[in-house]
Amino acid sequence: MPRGARVILPDVAVHIVQRGHDRRDCFREETDYLVYLANLFELSGETGCAVHAYCLMTNHVHLLLTPSTQAAFANLMRNLGQRYVQYFNRRYQRTGTLWEGRPRSCLVDSAPYVIACHRYIELNPVRAGMTPSPSAYPWSSHSGNAGYALNKLLSPHPEYLALGVDEASRVSAYRTLFSGQEELEFLGAIRDATNGGYALIGEKLKSALPGHMRRRLERKPPGPQGSEKLDPRSAANQLNLELGLRPRTS
């Protein structure tokens, strides 16, 4: 069954997972990771998407980003995917698709889940047994977010900034987040929401959403679903009106 229209809201973070076709490797050598990150850096600036966390695994990618406009997300993922596939096919003398359809995603606005999403993304290599610690893996945002290295690709999410009153206290608090065991409740919720396309958002935002959009973002009960369609642009404009903002025209 095809997935419904994706709901993207300006200035609300999105967790994205994009897998290689048939779960095959989409990164084979160090240069591949560097090319992907260079394109992500360039296109995130061009499209107006702030990147908060990422992890490039051998056969899939995790991103946590916030689009400044409704179109920013689609523009970034389309252009990034196309550019990287063109590079990858030229380099390895292959043709055809590289990605497994469109990326899976979920909105992430609730404060606990924004931070949990950072952990979820950056602990992927540890969880997969590829490295003993997140800081030892070179193809994730962890070293930048944890203050071990400068990473110009990253833009701190407000919930990351709220971890401390200054950079030193934020970095210390962030490192502490990775010192204990993962909370299985958060881990499962992030996986389910991303695969199912529903949202991890706080009550304030949820209550401001139009009813049809709330239903679209909630976990669906088993059984046949209705055929209600959502126009993302009109939904975003309705939300802006309810929040007292000007409707968006692009």
C-alpha atoms as a PDB file:
ATOM      1  CA  MET A   1       0.000   0.000   0.000  1.00  0.00           C
ATOM      2  CA  PRO A   2       1.483   3.403  -0.946  1.00  0.00           C
ATOM      3  CA  ARG A   3       2.292   5.771   1.872  1.00  0.00           C
ATOM      4  CA  GLY A   4       0.236   8.937   2.220  1.00  0.00           C
ATOM      5  CA  ALA A   5       1.405  12.483   1.646  1.00  0.00           C
ATOM      6  CA  ARG A   6       4.254  13.468   3.942  1.00  0.00           C
ATOM      7  CA  VAL A   7       3.519  16.195   6.484  1.00  0.00           C
ATOM      8  CA  ILE A   8       6.316  18.750   6.861  1.00  0.00           C
ATOM      9  CA  LEU A   9       5.975  21.874   8.995  1.00  0.00           C
ATOM     10  CA  PRO A  10       8.316  24.865   8.753  1.00  0.00           C
ATOM     11  CA  ASP A  11      10.647  25.178  11.745  1.00  0.00           C
ATOM     12  CA  VAL A  12       9.752  21.718  13.110  1.00  0.00           C
ATOM     13  CA  ALA A  13      12.536  19.122  13.134  1.00  0.00           C
ATOM     14  CA  VAL A  14      12.330  15.961  11.036  1.00  0.00           C
ATOM     15  CA  HIS A  15      14.097  12.645  11.592  1.00  0.00           C
ATOM     16  CA  ILE A  16      14.886  10.957   8.273  1.00  0.00           C
ATOM     17  CA  VAL A  17      16.100   7.475   7.387  1.00  0.00           C
ATOM     18  CA  GLN A  18      17.105   6.747   3.800  1.00  0.00           C
ATOM     19  CA  ARG A  19      18.193   3.211   2.982  1.00  0.00           C
ATOM     20  CA  GLY A  20      20.088   1.736   0.070  1.00  0.00           C
ATOM     21  CA  HIS A  21      18.063  -0.302  -2.431  1.00  0.00           C
ATOM     22  CA  ASP A  22      17.704  -3.898  -1.173  1.00  0.00           C
ATOM     23  CA  ARG A  23      19.753  -2.664   1.815  1.00  0.00           C
ATOM     24  CA  ARG A  24      22.884  -2.691  -0.309  1.00  0.00           C
ATOM     25  CA  ASP A  25      25.861  -0.480   0.550  1.00  0.00           C
ATOM     26  CA  CYS A  26      25.614   3.139  -0.540  1.00  0.00           C
ATOM     27  CA  PHE A  27      29.041   4.012   0.888  1.00  0.00           C
ATOM     28  CA  ARG A  28      32.028   1.870  -0.069  1.00  0.00           C
ATOM     29  CA  GLU A  29      35.083   4.050   0.490  1.00  0.00           C
ATOM     30  CA  GLU A  30      36.044   7.092   2.547  1.00  0.00           C
ATOM     31  CA  THR A  31      35.604   9.387  -0.449  1.00  0.00           C
ATOM     32  CA  ASP A  32      31.934   8.411  -0.713  1.00  0.00           C
ATOM     33  CA  TYR A  33      31.186   9.657   2.811  1.00  0.00           C
ATOM     34  CA  LEU A  34      33.081  12.888   2.156  1.00  0.00           C
ATOM     35  CA  VAL A  35      31.203  13.558  -1.080  1.00  0.00           C
ATOM     36  CA  TYR A  36      27.828  12.985   0.580  1.00  0.00           C
ATOM     37  CA  LEU A  37      28.660  15.306   3.476  1.00  0.00           C
ATOM     38  CA  ALA A  38      30.018  17.995   1.144  1.00  0.00           C
ATOM     39  CA  ASN A  39      26.791  17.929  -0.842  1.00  0.00           C
ATOM     40  CA  LEU A  40      24.717  17.950   2.355  1.00  0.00           C
ATOM     41  CA  PHE A  41      26.636  20.995   3.606  1.00  0.00           C
ATOM     42  CA  GLU A  42      26.144  22.907   0.350  1.00  0.00           C
ATOM     43  CA  LEU A  43      22.499  21.985  -0.205  1.00  0.00           C
ATOM     44  CA  SER A  44      21.400  22.497   3.400  1.00  0.00           C
ATOM     45  CA  GLY A  45      22.526  26.103   3.082  1.00  0.00           C
ATOM     46  CA  GLU A  46      20.938  26.570  -0.338  1.00  0.00           C
ATOM     47  CA  THR A  47      17.581  25.090   0.638  1.00  0.00           C
ATOM     48  CA  GLY A  48      17.320  26.494   4.152  1.00  0.00           C
ATOM     49  CA  CYS A  49      17.548  23.292   6.188  1.00  0.00           C
ATOM     50  CA  ALA A  50      19.416  23.317   9.506  1.00  0.00           C
ATOM     51  CA  VAL A  51      21.208  20.009  10.158  1.00  0.00           C
ATOM     52  CA  HIS A  52      21.329  19.024  13.848  1.00  0.00           C
ATOM     53  CA  ALA A  53      22.562  15.426  13.741  1.00  0.00           C
ATOM     54  CA  TYR A  54      23.483  12.778  11.182  1.00  0.00           C
ATOM     55  CA  CYS A  55      25.013   9.344  10.822  1.00  0.00           C
ATOM     56  CA  LEU A  56      26.143   7.743   7.587  1.00  0.00           C
ATOM     57  CA  MET A  57      26.039   3.968   7.938  1.00  0.00           C
ATOM     58  CA  THR A  58      27.251   1.687   5.160  1.00  0.00           C
ATOM     59  CA  ASN A  59      23.776   1.048   3.732  1.00  0.00           C
ATOM     60  CA  HIS A  60      21.621   3.846   5.114  1.00  0.00           C
ATOM     61  CA  VAL A  61      21.610   7.441   6.332  1.00  0.00           C
ATOM     62  CA  HIS A  62      20.064   9.107   9.395  1.00  0.00           C
ATOM     63  CA  LEU A  63      19.446  12.867   9.440  1.00  0.00           C
ATOM     64  CA  LEU A  64      17.854  15.209  11.957  1.00  0.00           C
ATOM     65  CA  LEU A  65      17.134  18.580  10.384  1.00  0.00           C
ATOM     66  CA  THR A  66      14.750  21.504  10.524  1.00  0.00           C
ATOM     67  CA  PRO A  67      13.419  22.997   7.260  1.00  0.00           C
ATOM     68  CA  SER A  68      12.791  26.735   7.249  1.00  0.00           C
ATOM     69  CA  THR A  69       9.977  26.391   4.690  1.00  0.00           C
ATOM     70  CA  GLN A  70       7.676  23.605   3.583  1.00  0.00           C
ATOM     71  CA  ALA A  71       9.504  23.160   0.271  1.00  0.00           C
ATOM     72  CA  ALA A  72      12.975  23.100   1.856  1.00  0.00           C
ATOM     73  CA  PHE A  73      12.775  19.473   2.974  1.00  0.00           C
ATOM     74  CA  ALA A  74      11.699  18.124  -0.422  1.00  0.00           C
ATOM     75  CA  ASN A  75      14.246  20.255  -2.274  1.00  0.00           C
ATOM     76  CA  LEU A  76      17.091  19.122  -0.043  1.00  0.00           C
ATOM     77  CA  MET A  77      16.318  15.408  -0.172  1.00  0.00           C
ATOM     78  CA  ARG A  78      15.635  15.404  -3.920  1.00  0.00           C
ATOM     79  CA  ASN A  79      18.781  17.305  -4.869  1.00  0.00           C
ATOM     80  CA  LEU A  80      20.984  15.502  -2.361  1.00  0.00           C
ATOM     81  CA  GLY A  81      19.773  12.097  -3.490  1.00  0.00           C
ATOM     82  CA  GLN A  82      20.179  12.894  -7.184  1.00  0.00           C
ATOM     83  CA  ARG A  83      23.641  14.393  -6.818  1.00  0.00           C
ATOM     84  CA  TYR A  84      24.955  11.502  -4.779  1.00  0.00           C
ATOM     85  CA  VAL A  85      23.486   8.830  -7.073  1.00  0.00           C
ATOM     86  CA  GLN A  86      25.091  10.500 -10.093  1.00  0.00           C
ATOM     87  CA  TYR A  87      28.453  10.558  -8.320  1.00  0.00           C
ATOM     88  CA  PHE A  88      28.114   6.965  -7.071  1.00  0.00           C
ATOM     89  CA  ASN A  89      27.106   5.576 -10.472  1.00  0.00           C
ATOM     90  CA  ARG A  90      29.976   7.334 -12.243  1.00  0.00           C
ATOM     91  CA  ARG A  91      32.518   6.217  -9.669  1.00  0.00           C
ATOM     92  CA  TYR A  92      31.494   2.555  -9.656  1.00  0.00           C
ATOM     93  CA  GLN A  93      30.393   2.336 -13.299  1.00  0.00           C
ATOM     94  CA  ARG A  94      26.858   1.319 -12.500  1.00  0.00           C
ATOM     95  CA  THR A  95      23.368   2.423 -13.514  1.00  0.00           C
ATOM     96  CA  GLY A  96      19.970   2.543 -11.912  1.00  0.00           C
ATOM     97  CA  THR A  97      18.637   3.445  -8.515  1.00  0.00           C
ATOM     98  CA  LEU A  98      20.668   3.541  -5.324  1.00  0.00           C
ATOM     99  CA  TRP A  99      17.987   4.405  -2.757  1.00  0.00           C
ATOM    100  CA  GLU A 100      15.058   2.356  -1.466  1.00  0.00           C
ATOM    101  CA  GLY A 101      12.205   4.600  -2.566  1.00  0.00           C
ATOM    102  CA  ARG A 102      11.466   7.815  -0.719  1.00  0.00           C
ATOM    103  CA  PRO A 103      13.004   8.379   2.731  1.00  0.00           C
ATOM    104  CA  ARG A 104      11.067   7.475   5.868  1.00  0.00           C
ATOM    105  CA  SER A 105      10.542  10.324   8.308  1.00  0.00           C
ATOM    106  CA  CYS A 106       8.751  11.657  11.360  1.00  0.00           C
ATOM    107  CA  LEU A 107       8.276  15.093  12.883  1.00  0.00           C
ATOM    108  CA  VAL A 108      10.149  15.590  16.165  1.00  0.00           C
ATOM    109  CA  ASP A 109       9.121  18.542  18.313  1.00  0.00           C
ATOM    110  CA  SER A 110       8.754  17.156  21.846  1.00  0.00           C
ATOM    111  CA  ALA A 111      11.810  18.207  23.877  1.00  0.00           C
ATOM    112  CA  PRO A 112      12.649  14.735  25.259  1.00  0.00           C
ATOM    113  CA  TYR A 113      12.397  13.188  21.810  1.00  0.00           C
ATOM    114  CA  VAL A 114      14.613  15.787  20.126  1.00  0.00           C
ATOM    115  CA  ILE A 115      17.462  14.865  22.462  1.00  0.00           C
ATOM    116  CA  ALA A 116      16.582  11.162  22.287  1.00  0.00           C
ATOM    117  CA  CYS A 117      16.767  11.439  18.507  1.00  0.00           C
ATOM    118  CA  HIS A 118      20.312  12.825  18.759  1.00  0.00           C
ATOM    119  CA  ARG A 119      21.247   9.790  20.855  1.00  0.00           C
ATOM    120  CA  TYR A 120      19.417   7.373  18.595  1.00  0.00           C
ATOM    121  CA  ILE A 121      21.193   8.673  15.493  1.00  0.00           C
ATOM    122  CA  GLU A 122      24.705   8.968  16.909  1.00  0.00           C
ATOM    123  CA  LEU A 123      24.618   5.606  18.716  1.00  0.00           C
ATOM    124  CA  ASN A 124      23.824   3.710  15.512  1.00  0.00           C
ATOM    125  CA  PRO A 125      27.437   2.564  14.916  1.00  0.00           C
ATOM    126  CA  VAL A 126      27.743   1.417  18.544  1.00  0.00           C
ATOM    127  CA  ARG A 127      24.422  -0.411  18.359  1.00  0.00           C
ATOM    128  CA  ALA A 128      25.586  -2.141  15.161  1.00  0.00           C
ATOM    129  CA  GLY A 129      28.876  -3.233  16.774  1.00  0.00           C
ATOM    130  CA  MET A 130      30.963  -1.135  14.376  1.00  0.00           C
ATOM    131  CA  THR A 131      32.694   0.983  17.003  1.00  0.00           C
ATOM    132  CA  PRO A 132      33.023   0.959  20.821  1.00  0.00           C
ATOM    133  CA  SER A 133      31.877   4.573  21.257  1.00  0.00           C
ATOM    134  CA  PRO A 134      30.062   7.184  19.167  1.00  0.00           C
ATOM    135  CA  SER A 135      33.088   9.500  19.214  1.00  0.00           C
ATOM    136  CA  ALA A 136      35.177   6.799  17.498  1.00  0.00           C
ATOM    137  CA  TYR A 137      32.951   6.794  14.418  1.00  0.00           C
ATOM    138  CA  PRO A 138      34.055   9.457  11.905  1.00  0.00           C
ATOM    139  CA  TRP A 139      30.866   9.639   9.817  1.00  0.00           C
ATOM    140  CA  SER A 140      28.418  10.994  12.354  1.00  0.00           C
ATOM    141  CA  SER A 141      27.719  14.322  14.027  1.00  0.00           C
ATOM    142  CA  HIS A 142      28.726  13.109  17.479  1.00  0.00           C
ATOM    143  CA  SER A 143      32.219  14.608  17.648  1.00  0.00           C
ATOM    144  CA  GLY A 144      30.784  17.981  16.656  1.00  0.00           C
ATOM    145  CA  ASN A 145      27.819  17.913  19.035  1.00  0.00           C
ATOM    146  CA  ALA A 146      29.959  16.576  21.892  1.00  0.00           C
ATOM    147  CA  GLY A 147      32.612  19.270  21.429  1.00  0.00           C
ATOM    148  CA  TYR A 148      35.444  17.002  20.322  1.00  0.00           C
ATOM    149  CA  ALA A 149      35.806  18.674  16.907  1.00  0.00           C
ATOM    150  CA  LEU A 150      34.458  21.644  14.972  1.00  0.00           C
ATOM    151  CA  ASN A 151      31.735  20.671  12.502  1.00  0.00           C
ATOM    152  CA  LYS A 152      30.499  23.546  10.345  1.00  0.00           C
ATOM    153  CA  LEU A 153      27.700  21.416   8.928  1.00  0.00           C
ATOM    154  CA  LEU A 154      25.840  21.419  12.245  1.00  0.00           C
ATOM    155  CA  SER A 155      23.318  23.978  13.483  1.00  0.00           C
ATOM    156  CA  PRO A 156      22.276  23.481  17.125  1.00  0.00           C
ATOM    157  CA  HIS A 157      18.616  22.762  17.763  1.00  0.00           C
ATOM    158  CA  PRO A 158      17.018  24.925  20.518  1.00  0.00           C
ATOM    159  CA  GLU A 159      16.697  21.827  22.717  1.00  0.00           C
ATOM    160  CA  TYR A 160      20.426  21.198  22.337  1.00  0.00           C
ATOM    161  CA  LEU A 161      21.136  24.806  23.338  1.00  0.00           C
ATOM    162  CA  ALA A 162      18.888  24.349  26.367  1.00  0.00           C
ATOM    163  CA  LEU A 163      21.227  21.667  27.751  1.00  0.00           C
ATOM    164  CA  GLY A 164      23.423  24.364  29.322  1.00  0.00           C
ATOM    165  CA  VAL A 165      23.912  28.084  29.825  1.00  0.00           C
ATOM    166  CA  ASP A 166      27.133  28.149  27.803  1.00  0.00           C
ATOM    167  CA  GLU A 167      29.079  25.966  25.393  1.00  0.00           C
ATOM    168  CA  ALA A 168      31.111  24.231  28.093  1.00  0.00           C
ATOM    169  CA  SER A 169      28.068  23.224  30.136  1.00  0.00           C
ATOM    170  CA  ARG A 170      26.167  22.119  27.015  1.00  0.00           C
ATOM    171  CA  VAL A 171      29.031  19.941  25.834  1.00  0.00           C
ATOM    172  CA  SER A 172      29.402  18.396  29.294  1.00  0.00           C
ATOM    173  CA  ALA A 173      25.677  17.663  29.501  1.00  0.00           C
ATOM    174  CA  TYR A 174      25.639  16.241  25.984  1.00  0.00           C
ATOM    175  CA  ARG A 175      28.496  13.847  26.705  1.00  0.00           C
ATOM    176  CA  THR A 176      26.718  12.687  29.842  1.00  0.00           C
ATOM    177  CA  LEU A 177      23.710  11.690  27.727  1.00  0.00           C
ATOM    178  CA  PHE A 178      25.838   8.974  26.133  1.00  0.00           C
ATOM    179  CA  SER A 179      27.300   7.567  29.330  1.00  0.00           C
ATOM    180  CA  GLY A 180      24.322   5.404  30.331  1.00  0.00           C
ATOM    181  CA  GLN A 181      22.181   2.726  28.748  1.00  0.00           C
ATOM    182  CA  GLU A 182      19.746   3.639  26.003  1.00  0.00           C
ATOM    183  CA  GLU A 183      16.136   3.971  27.118  1.00  0.00           C
ATOM    184  CA  LEU A 184      14.245   1.292  25.213  1.00  0.00           C
ATOM    185  CA  GLU A 185      10.989   3.256  25.385  1.00  0.00           C
ATOM    186  CA  PHE A 186      12.494   6.162  23.444  1.00  0.00           C
ATOM    187  CA  LEU A 187      14.360   3.845  21.088  1.00  0.00           C
ATOM    188  CA  GLY A 188      11.211   1.963  20.145  1.00  0.00           C
ATOM    189  CA  ALA A 189       9.115   5.103  19.834  1.00  0.00           C
ATOM    190  CA  ILE A 190      11.576   6.752  17.430  1.00  0.00           C
ATOM    191  CA  ARG A 191      11.814   3.638  15.266  1.00  0.00           C
ATOM    192  CA  ASP A 192       8.044   3.182  15.154  1.00  0.00           C
ATOM    193  CA  ALA A 193       7.339   6.832  14.415  1.00  0.00           C
ATOM    194  CA  THR A 194       9.919   7.020  11.624  1.00  0.00           C
ATOM    195  CA  ASN A 195       8.791   3.801   9.964  1.00  0.00           C
ATOM    196  CA  GLY A 196       5.129   4.665  10.401  1.00  0.00           C
ATOM    197  CA  GLY A 197       5.373   8.337   9.461  1.00  0.00           C
ATOM    198  CA  TYR A 198       3.668   9.693  12.545  1.00  0.00           C
ATOM    199  CA  ALA A 199       4.937  12.427  14.875  1.00  0.00           C
ATOM    200  CA  LEU A 200       6.737  12.825  18.185  1.00  0.00           C
ATOM    201  CA  ILE A 201       5.468  16.292  19.035  1.00  0.00           C
ATOM    202  CA  GLY A 202       4.511  18.111  22.218  1.00  0.00           C
ATOM    203  CA  GLU A 203       0.979  18.901  23.315  1.00  0.00           C
ATOM    204  CA  LYS A 204       1.356  22.624  22.527  1.00  0.00           C
ATOM    205  CA  LEU A 205       2.042  22.003  18.844  1.00  0.00           C
ATOM    206  CA  LYS A 206      -0.396  19.100  18.660  1.00  0.00           C
ATOM    207  CA  SER A 207      -3.238  21.216  20.019  1.00  0.00           C
ATOM    208  CA  ALA A 208      -2.524  23.934  17.439  1.00  0.00           C
ATOM    209  CA  LEU A 209      -2.759  21.539  14.497  1.00  0.00           C
ATOM    210  CA  PRO A 210      -5.961  21.208  12.476  1.00  0.00           C
ATOM    211  CA  GLY A 211      -7.871  18.038  13.325  1.00  0.00           C
ATOM    212  CA  HIS A 212      -7.253  16.322   9.975  1.00  0.00           C
ATOM    213  CA  MET A 213      -3.516  16.920  10.349  1.00  0.00           C
ATOM    214  CA  ARG A 214      -3.461  15.549  13.903  1.00  0.00           C
ATOM    215  CA  ARG A 215      -5.145  12.390  12.668  1.00  0.00           C
ATOM    216  CA  ARG A 216      -2.627  12.102   9.851  1.00  0.00           C
ATOM    217  CA  LEU A 217       0.308  12.237  12.274  1.00  0.00           C
ATOM    218  CA  GLU A 218      -1.027   9.803  14.873  1.00  0.00           C
ATOM    219  CA  ARG A 219      -0.415   6.044  14.985  1.00  0.00           C
ATOM    220  CA  LYS A 220      -3.081   4.354  12.878  1.00  0.00           C
ATOM    221  CA  PRO A 221      -5.224   1.558  14.344  1.00  0.00           C
ATOM    222  CA  PRO A 222      -5.139  -1.772  12.515  1.00  0.00           C
ATOM    223  CA  GLY A 223      -7.600  -2.344   9.690  1.00  0.00           C
ATOM    224  CA  PRO A 224      -8.649  -0.421   6.551  1.00  0.00           C
ATOM    225  CA  GLN A 225      -8.158   3.335   6.666  1.00  0.00           C
ATOM    226  CA  GLY A 226     -10.116   6.084   4.990  1.00  0.00           C
ATOM    227  CA  SER A 227      -8.958   7.810   1.838  1.00  0.00           C
ATOM    228  CA  GLU A 228      -8.732  11.340   3.262  1.00  0.00           C
ATOM    229  CA  LYS A 229      -6.107  13.341   1.414  1.00  0.00           C
ATOM    230  CA  LEU A 230      -4.026  16.163   2.846  1.00  0.00           C
ATOM    231  CA  ASP A 231      -2.806  19.186   0.940  1.00  0.00           C
ATOM    232  CA  PRO A 232       0.420  19.967   2.862  1.00  0.00           C
ATOM    233  CA  ARG A 233       0.519  23.617   1.744  1.00  0.00           C
ATOM    234  CA  SER A 234      -3.065  24.397   2.763  1.00  0.00           C
ATOM    235  CA  ALA A 235      -2.542  22.529   6.032  1.00  0.00           C
ATOM    236  CA  ALA A 236       0.550  24.569   6.812  1.00  0.00           C
ATOM    237  CA  ASN A 237      -1.292  27.802   6.035  1.00  0.00           C
ATOM    238  CA  GLN A 238      -4.187  26.766   8.277  1.00  0.00           C
ATOM    239  CA  LEU A 239      -1.734  26.042  11.086  1.00  0.00           C
ATOM    240  CA  ASN A 240      -0.059  29.426  10.579  1.00  0.00           C
ATOM    241  CA  LEU A 241      -3.423  31.171  10.807  1.00  0.00           C
ATOM    242  CA  GLU A 242      -4.283  29.360  14.029  1.00  0.00           C
ATOM    243  CA  LEU A 243      -0.934  30.341  15.477  1.00  0.00           C
ATOM    244  CA  GLY A 244      -1.386  33.951  14.376  1.00  0.00           C
ATOM    245  CA  LEU A 245       1.245  33.800  11.644  1.00  0.00           C
ATOM    246  CA  ARG A 246       0.996  34.956   8.051  1.00  0.00           C
ATOM    247  CA  PRO A 247       0.104  32.253   5.499  1.00  0.00           C
ATOM    248  CA  ARG A 248       3.039  31.030   3.448  1.00  0.00           C
ATOM    249  CA  THR A 249       2.949  31.555  -0.302  1.00  0.00           C
ATOM    250  CA  SER A 250       5.867  29.293  -1.232  1.00  0.00           C
END
